Amino acid sequence: YAIVHGFKIDGTAPLRSVMSLVAIGITTF
């Protein structure tokens, strides 16, 4: 995310990133 979008928080990219992190967390749990 940092390589592609830098530290910008706009559009749907942050939401997609959060969804991915949540999915990883749930799978780990």
PDB file of all heavy atoms in Angstrom:
ATOM      1  N   TYR A   1       0.842  -1.209   0.000  1.00  0.00           N
ATOM      2  CA  TYR A   1       0.000   0.000   0.000  1.00  0.00           C
ATOM      3  C   TYR A   1       0.873   1.254   0.000  1.00  0.00           C
ATOM      4  O   TYR A   1       0.584   2.225  -0.729  1.00  0.00           O
ATOM      5  CB  TYR A   1      -0.914  -0.013   1.226  1.00  0.00           C
ATOM      6  CG  TYR A   1      -1.804   1.208   1.307  1.00  0.00           C
ATOM      7  CD1 TYR A   1      -3.042   1.225   0.684  1.00  0.00           C
ATOM      8  CD2 TYR A   1      -1.398   2.345   2.006  1.00  0.00           C
ATOM      9  CE1 TYR A   1      -3.859   2.350   0.750  1.00  0.00           C
ATOM     10  CE2 TYR A   1      -2.204   3.466   2.078  1.00  0.00           C
ATOM     11  CZ  TYR A   1      -3.436   3.468   1.451  1.00  0.00           C
ATOM     12  OH  TYR A   1      -4.241   4.590   1.504  1.00  0.00           O
ATOM     13  N   ALA A   2       1.943   1.248   0.806  1.00  0.00           N
ATOM     14  CA  ALA A   2       2.820   2.421   0.881  1.00  0.00           C
ATOM     15  C   ALA A   2       3.529   2.666  -0.447  1.00  0.00           C
ATOM     16  O   ALA A   2       3.712   3.819  -0.868  1.00  0.00           O
ATOM     17  CB  ALA A   2       3.840   2.233   2.001  1.00  0.00           C
ATOM     18  N   ILE A   3       3.923   1.617  -1.138  1.00  0.00           N
ATOM     19  CA  ILE A   3       4.605   1.771  -2.426  1.00  0.00           C
ATOM     20  C   ILE A   3       3.667   2.339  -3.485  1.00  0.00           C
ATOM     21  O   ILE A   3       4.040   3.225  -4.269  1.00  0.00           O
ATOM     22  CB  ILE A   3       5.177   0.410  -2.890  1.00  0.00           C
ATOM     23  CG1 ILE A   3       6.307  -0.035  -1.957  1.00  0.00           C
ATOM     24  CG2 ILE A   3       5.678   0.500  -4.328  1.00  0.00           C
ATOM     25  CD1 ILE A   3       6.838  -1.422  -2.251  1.00  0.00           C
ATOM     26  N   VAL A   4       2.451   1.838  -3.489  1.00  0.00           N
ATOM     27  CA  VAL A   4       1.502   2.236  -4.536  1.00  0.00           C
ATOM     28  C   VAL A   4       0.830   3.564  -4.215  1.00  0.00           C
ATOM     29  O   VAL A   4       0.690   4.433  -5.089  1.00  0.00           O
ATOM     30  CB  VAL A   4       0.433   1.139  -4.726  1.00  0.00           C
ATOM     31  CG1 VAL A   4      -0.611   1.579  -5.751  1.00  0.00           C
ATOM     32  CG2 VAL A   4       1.085  -0.163  -5.163  1.00  0.00           C
ATOM     33  N   HIS A   5       0.404   3.747  -2.973  1.00  0.00           N
ATOM     34  CA  HIS A   5      -0.410   4.920  -2.628  1.00  0.00           C
ATOM     35  C   HIS A   5       0.314   5.900  -1.708  1.00  0.00           C
ATOM     36  O   HIS A   5      -0.230   6.983  -1.429  1.00  0.00           O
ATOM     37  CB  HIS A   5      -1.714   4.471  -1.949  1.00  0.00           C
ATOM     38  CG  HIS A   5      -2.511   3.520  -2.780  1.00  0.00           C
ATOM     39  ND1 HIS A   5      -3.246   3.916  -3.873  1.00  0.00           N
ATOM     40  CD2 HIS A   5      -2.670   2.170  -2.676  1.00  0.00           C
ATOM     41  CE1 HIS A   5      -3.857   2.860  -4.402  1.00  0.00           C
ATOM     42  NE2 HIS A   5      -3.511   1.788  -3.695  1.00  0.00           N
ATOM     43  N   GLY A   6       1.483   5.548  -1.244  1.00  0.00           N
ATOM     44  CA  GLY A   6       2.161   6.432  -0.305  1.00  0.00           C
ATOM     45  C   GLY A   6       1.375   6.502   0.998  1.00  0.00           C
ATOM     46  O   GLY A   6       0.858   5.501   1.483  1.00  0.00           O
ATOM     47  N   PHE A   7       1.280   7.691   1.551  1.00  0.00           N
ATOM     48  CA  PHE A   7       0.544   7.867   2.800  1.00  0.00           C
ATOM     49  C   PHE A   7      -0.779   8.595   2.574  1.00  0.00           C
ATOM     50  O   PHE A   7      -1.363   9.160   3.502  1.00  0.00           O
ATOM     51  CB  PHE A   7       1.397   8.645   3.807  1.00  0.00           C
ATOM     52  CG  PHE A   7       2.647   7.905   4.207  1.00  0.00           C
ATOM     53  CD1 PHE A   7       3.860   8.193   3.600  1.00  0.00           C
ATOM     54  CD2 PHE A   7       2.591   6.908   5.160  1.00  0.00           C
ATOM     55  CE1 PHE A   7       5.011   7.497   3.956  1.00  0.00           C
ATOM     56  CE2 PHE A   7       3.734   6.213   5.519  1.00  0.00           C
ATOM     57  CZ  PHE A   7       4.952   6.511   4.916  1.00  0.00           C
ATOM     58  N   LYS A   8      -1.249   8.541   1.346  1.00  0.00           N
ATOM     59  CA  LYS A   8      -2.532   9.171   1.029  1.00  0.00           C
ATOM     60  C   LYS A   8      -3.676   8.288   1.500  1.00  0.00           C
ATOM     61  O   LYS A   8      -3.650   7.080   1.335  1.00  0.00           O
ATOM     62  CB  LYS A   8      -2.645   9.398  -0.475  1.00  0.00           C
ATOM     63  CG  LYS A   8      -1.607  10.364  -1.043  1.00  0.00           C
ATOM     64  CD  LYS A   8      -1.788  10.513  -2.535  1.00  0.00           C
ATOM     65  CE  LYS A   8      -0.737  11.462  -3.124  1.00  0.00           C
ATOM     66  NZ  LYS A   8      -0.894  11.627  -4.593  1.00  0.00           N
ATOM     67  N   ILE A   9      -4.659   8.932   2.078  1.00  0.00           N
ATOM     68  CA  ILE A   9      -5.848   8.207   2.529  1.00  0.00           C
ATOM     69  C   ILE A   9      -7.050   8.800   1.803  1.00  0.00           C
ATOM     70  O   ILE A   9      -7.757   9.675   2.307  1.00  0.00           O
ATOM     71  CB  ILE A   9      -6.030   8.317   4.055  1.00  0.00           C
ATOM     72  CG1 ILE A   9      -4.784   7.826   4.778  1.00  0.00           C
ATOM     73  CG2 ILE A   9      -7.246   7.513   4.513  1.00  0.00           C
ATOM     74  CD1 ILE A   9      -4.858   7.931   6.275  1.00  0.00           C
ATOM     75  N   ASP A  10      -7.248   8.339   0.581  1.00  0.00           N
ATOM     76  CA  ASP A  10      -8.390   8.802  -0.194  1.00  0.00           C
ATOM     77  C   ASP A  10      -8.837   7.691  -1.124  1.00  0.00           C
ATOM     78  O   ASP A  10      -8.113   6.737  -1.402  1.00  0.00           O
ATOM     79  CB  ASP A  10      -8.041  10.064  -0.997  1.00  0.00           C
ATOM     80  CG  ASP A  10      -6.840   9.843  -1.919  1.00  0.00           C
ATOM     81  OD1 ASP A  10      -6.300   8.722  -1.916  1.00  0.00           O
ATOM     82  OD2 ASP A  10      -6.449  10.778  -2.618  1.00  0.00           O
ATOM     83  N   GLY A  11     -10.057   7.790  -1.617  1.00  0.00           N
ATOM     84  CA  GLY A  11     -10.600   6.773  -2.503  1.00  0.00           C
ATOM     85  C   GLY A  11     -10.936   5.490  -1.748  1.00  0.00           C
ATOM     86  O   GLY A  11     -11.110   5.467  -0.526  1.00  0.00           O
ATOM     87  N   THR A  12     -10.985   4.400  -2.502  1.00  0.00           N
ATOM     88  CA  THR A  12     -11.343   3.101  -1.909  1.00  0.00           C
ATOM     89  C   THR A  12     -10.119   2.266  -1.499  1.00  0.00           C
ATOM     90  O   THR A  12     -10.276   1.218  -0.882  1.00  0.00           O
ATOM     91  CB  THR A  12     -12.174   2.288  -2.915  1.00  0.00           C
ATOM     92  OG1 THR A  12     -11.393   2.079  -4.115  1.00  0.00           O
ATOM     93  CG2 THR A  12     -13.466   3.023  -3.280  1.00  0.00           C
ATOM     94  N   ALA A  13      -8.927   2.739  -1.844  1.00  0.00           N
ATOM     95  CA  ALA A  13      -7.717   1.975  -1.524  1.00  0.00           C
ATOM     96  C   ALA A  13      -7.566   1.718  -0.027  1.00  0.00           C
ATOM     97  O   ALA A  13      -7.259   0.587   0.381  1.00  0.00           O
ATOM     98  CB  ALA A  13      -6.490   2.682  -2.081  1.00  0.00           C
ATOM     99  N   PRO A  14      -7.749   2.738   0.841  1.00  0.00           N
ATOM    100  CA  PRO A  14      -7.629   2.472   2.282  1.00  0.00           C
ATOM    101  C   PRO A  14      -8.635   1.432   2.765  1.00  0.00           C
ATOM    102  O   PRO A  14      -8.297   0.589   3.602  1.00  0.00           O
ATOM    103  CB  PRO A  14      -7.873   3.841   2.919  1.00  0.00           C
ATOM    104  CG  PRO A  14      -7.537   4.823   1.850  1.00  0.00           C
ATOM    105  CD  PRO A  14      -7.963   4.177   0.574  1.00  0.00           C
ATOM    106  N   LEU A  15      -9.862   1.494   2.226  1.00  0.00           N
ATOM    107  CA  LEU A  15     -10.887   0.532   2.640  1.00  0.00           C
ATOM    108  C   LEU A  15     -10.490  -0.887   2.228  1.00  0.00           C
ATOM    109  O   LEU A  15     -10.644  -1.839   3.015  1.00  0.00           O
ATOM    110  CB  LEU A  15     -12.231   0.905   2.024  1.00  0.00           C
ATOM    111  CG  LEU A  15     -13.407  -0.032   2.354  1.00  0.00           C
ATOM    112  CD1 LEU A  15     -13.630  -0.075   3.857  1.00  0.00           C
ATOM    113  CD2 LEU A  15     -14.671   0.426   1.623  1.00  0.00           C
ATOM    114  N   ARG A  16      -9.970  -1.024   1.017  1.00  0.00           N
ATOM    115  CA  ARG A  16      -9.535  -2.342   0.558  1.00  0.00           C
ATOM    116  C   ARG A  16      -8.391  -2.857   1.416  1.00  0.00           C
ATOM    117  O   ARG A  16      -8.310  -4.046   1.739  1.00  0.00           O
ATOM    118  CB  ARG A  16      -9.102  -2.281  -0.910  1.00  0.00           C
ATOM    119  CG  ARG A  16     -10.225  -1.950  -1.894  1.00  0.00           C
ATOM    120  CD  ARG A  16      -9.824  -2.309  -3.311  1.00  0.00           C
ATOM    121  NE  ARG A  16      -8.578  -1.650  -3.716  1.00  0.00           N
ATOM    122  CZ  ARG A  16      -8.526  -0.458  -4.314  1.00  0.00           C
ATOM    123  NH1 ARG A  16      -9.652   0.217  -4.543  1.00  0.00           N
ATOM    124  NH2 ARG A  16      -7.375   0.083  -4.659  1.00  0.00           N
ATOM    125  N   SER A  17      -7.503  -1.975   1.794  1.00  0.00           N
ATOM    126  CA  SER A  17      -6.376  -2.371   2.636  1.00  0.00           C
ATOM    127  C   SER A  17      -6.840  -2.833   4.009  1.00  0.00           C
ATOM    128  O   SER A  17      -6.367  -3.844   4.533  1.00  0.00           O
ATOM    129  CB  SER A  17      -5.395  -1.206   2.777  1.00  0.00           C
ATOM    130  OG  SER A  17      -4.277  -1.580   3.567  1.00  0.00           O
ATOM    131  N   VAL A  18      -7.784  -2.076   4.579  1.00  0.00           N
ATOM    132  CA  VAL A  18      -8.322  -2.459   5.891  1.00  0.00           C
ATOM    133  C   VAL A  18      -9.028  -3.809   5.803  1.00  0.00           C
ATOM    134  O   VAL A  18      -8.878  -4.665   6.695  1.00  0.00           O
ATOM    135  CB  VAL A  18      -9.283  -1.376   6.407  1.00  0.00           C
ATOM    136  CG1 VAL A  18     -10.030  -1.875   7.656  1.00  0.00           C
ATOM    137  CG2 VAL A  18      -8.520  -0.101   6.738  1.00  0.00           C
ATOM    138  N   MET A  19      -9.784  -4.018   4.730  1.00  0.00           N
ATOM    139  CA  MET A  19     -10.470  -5.295   4.546  1.00  0.00           C
ATOM    140  C   MET A  19      -9.457  -6.451   4.498  1.00  0.00           C
ATOM    141  O   MET A  19      -9.677  -7.517   5.087  1.00  0.00           O
ATOM    142  CB  MET A  19     -11.292  -5.273   3.256  1.00  0.00           C
ATOM    143  CG  MET A  19     -12.529  -4.389   3.304  1.00  0.00           C
ATOM    144  SD  MET A  19     -13.352  -4.312   1.680  1.00  0.00           S
ATOM    145  CE  MET A  19     -13.604  -6.054   1.339  1.00  0.00           C
ATOM    146  N   SER A  20      -8.355  -6.226   3.828  1.00  0.00           N
ATOM    147  CA  SER A  20      -7.330  -7.266   3.720  1.00  0.00           C
ATOM    148  C   SER A  20      -6.715  -7.565   5.085  1.00  0.00           C
ATOM    149  O   SER A  20      -6.529  -8.732   5.454  1.00  0.00           O
ATOM    150  CB  SER A  20      -6.237  -6.831   2.747  1.00  0.00           C
ATOM    151  OG  SER A  20      -6.775  -6.606   1.455  1.00  0.00           O
ATOM    152  N   LEU A  21      -6.401  -6.501   5.840  1.00  0.00           N
ATOM    153  CA  LEU A  21      -5.811  -6.696   7.163  1.00  0.00           C
ATOM    154  C   LEU A  21      -6.773  -7.405   8.110  1.00  0.00           C
ATOM    155  O   LEU A  21      -6.360  -8.262   8.904  1.00  0.00           O
ATOM    156  CB  LEU A  21      -5.375  -5.351   7.746  1.00  0.00           C
ATOM    157  CG  LEU A  21      -4.275  -4.611   6.967  1.00  0.00           C
ATOM    158  CD1 LEU A  21      -3.983  -3.267   7.627  1.00  0.00           C
ATOM    159  CD2 LEU A  21      -3.013  -5.454   6.895  1.00  0.00           C
ATOM    160  N   VAL A  22      -8.049  -7.043   8.020  1.00  0.00           N
ATOM    161  CA  VAL A  22      -9.055  -7.704   8.857  1.00  0.00           C
ATOM    162  C   VAL A  22      -9.160  -9.177   8.490  1.00  0.00           C
ATOM    163  O   VAL A  22      -9.257 -10.050   9.365  1.00  0.00           O
ATOM    164  CB  VAL A  22     -10.418  -7.008   8.714  1.00  0.00           C
ATOM    165  CG1 VAL A  22     -11.519  -7.840   9.368  1.00  0.00           C
ATOM    166  CG2 VAL A  22     -10.373  -5.622   9.332  1.00  0.00           C
ATOM    167  N   ALA A  23      -9.134  -9.463   7.182  1.00  0.00           N
ATOM    168  CA  ALA A  23      -9.211 -10.856   6.737  1.00  0.00           C
ATOM    169  C   ALA A  23      -8.024 -11.666   7.247  1.00  0.00           C
ATOM    170  O   ALA A  23      -8.181 -12.806   7.698  1.00  0.00           O
ATOM    171  CB  ALA A  23      -9.272 -10.914   5.215  1.00  0.00           C
ATOM    172  N   ILE A  24      -6.843 -11.071   7.206  1.00  0.00           N
ATOM    173  CA  ILE A  24      -5.643 -11.757   7.719  1.00  0.00           C
ATOM    174  C   ILE A  24      -5.780 -11.994   9.221  1.00  0.00           C
ATOM    175  O   ILE A  24      -5.461 -13.075   9.727  1.00  0.00           O
ATOM    176  CB  ILE A  24      -4.380 -10.936   7.424  1.00  0.00           C
ATOM    177  CG1 ILE A  24      -4.145 -10.850   5.904  1.00  0.00           C
ATOM    178  CG2 ILE A  24      -3.163 -11.541   8.115  1.00  0.00           C
ATOM    179  CD1 ILE A  24      -3.021  -9.906   5.518  1.00  0.00           C
ATOM    180  N   GLY A  25      -6.269 -10.976   9.940  1.00  0.00           N
ATOM    181  CA  GLY A  25      -6.431 -11.109  11.383  1.00  0.00           C
ATOM    182  C   GLY A  25      -7.434 -12.186  11.758  1.00  0.00           C
ATOM    183  O   GLY A  25      -7.179 -12.997  12.660  1.00  0.00           O
ATOM    184  N   ILE A  26      -8.575 -12.209  11.068  1.00  0.00           N
ATOM    185  CA  ILE A  26      -9.604 -13.210  11.358  1.00  0.00           C
ATOM    186  C   ILE A  26      -9.087 -14.613  11.052  1.00  0.00           C
ATOM    187  O   ILE A  26      -9.294 -15.556  11.829  1.00  0.00           O
ATOM    188  CB  ILE A  26     -10.883 -12.912  10.552  1.00  0.00           C
ATOM    189  CG1 ILE A  26     -11.533 -11.621  11.056  1.00  0.00           C
ATOM    190  CG2 ILE A  26     -11.865 -14.075  10.655  1.00  0.00           C
ATOM    191  CD1 ILE A  26     -12.736 -11.188  10.255  1.00  0.00           C
ATOM    192  N   THR A  27      -8.396 -14.764   9.922  1.00  0.00           N
ATOM    193  CA  THR A  27      -7.856 -16.070   9.556  1.00  0.00           C
ATOM    194  C   THR A  27      -6.827 -16.542  10.573  1.00  0.00           C
ATOM    195  O   THR A  27      -6.790 -17.722  10.941  1.00  0.00           O
ATOM    196  CB  THR A  27      -7.220 -16.015   8.156  1.00  0.00           C
ATOM    197  OG1 THR A  27      -8.182 -15.549   7.207  1.00  0.00           O
ATOM    198  CG2 THR A  27      -6.720 -17.384   7.737  1.00  0.00           C
ATOM    199  N   THR A  28      -6.011 -15.612  11.040  1.00  0.00           N
ATOM    200  CA  THR A  28      -5.005 -15.962  12.051  1.00  0.00           C
ATOM    201  C   THR A  28      -5.669 -16.408  13.342  1.00  0.00           C
ATOM    202  O   THR A  28      -5.282 -17.415  13.946  1.00  0.00           O
ATOM    203  CB  THR A  28      -4.088 -14.761  12.335  1.00  0.00           C
ATOM    204  OG1 THR A  28      -3.433 -14.365  11.123  1.00  0.00           O
ATOM    205  CG2 THR A  28      -3.043 -15.110  13.384  1.00  0.00           C
ATOM    206  N   PHE A  29      -6.688 -15.674  13.769  1.00  0.00           N
ATOM    207  CA  PHE A  29      -7.405 -16.023  14.996  1.00  0.00           C
ATOM    208  C   PHE A  29      -8.036 -17.400  14.888  1.00  0.00           C
ATOM    209  O   PHE A  29      -7.915 -18.233  15.807  1.00  0.00           O
ATOM    210  CB  PHE A  29      -8.479 -14.974  15.279  1.00  0.00           C
ATOM    211  CG  PHE A  29      -9.415 -15.341  16.394  1.00  0.00           C
ATOM    212  CD1 PHE A  29      -9.013 -15.229  17.716  1.00  0.00           C
ATOM    213  CD2 PHE A  29     -10.693 -15.810  16.124  1.00  0.00           C
ATOM    214  CE1 PHE A  29      -9.872 -15.582  18.755  1.00  0.00           C
ATOM    215  CE2 PHE A  29     -11.548 -16.164  17.153  1.00  0.00           C
ATOM    216  CZ  PHE A  29     -11.140 -16.045  18.467  1.00  0.00           C
TER     217      PHE A  29
END
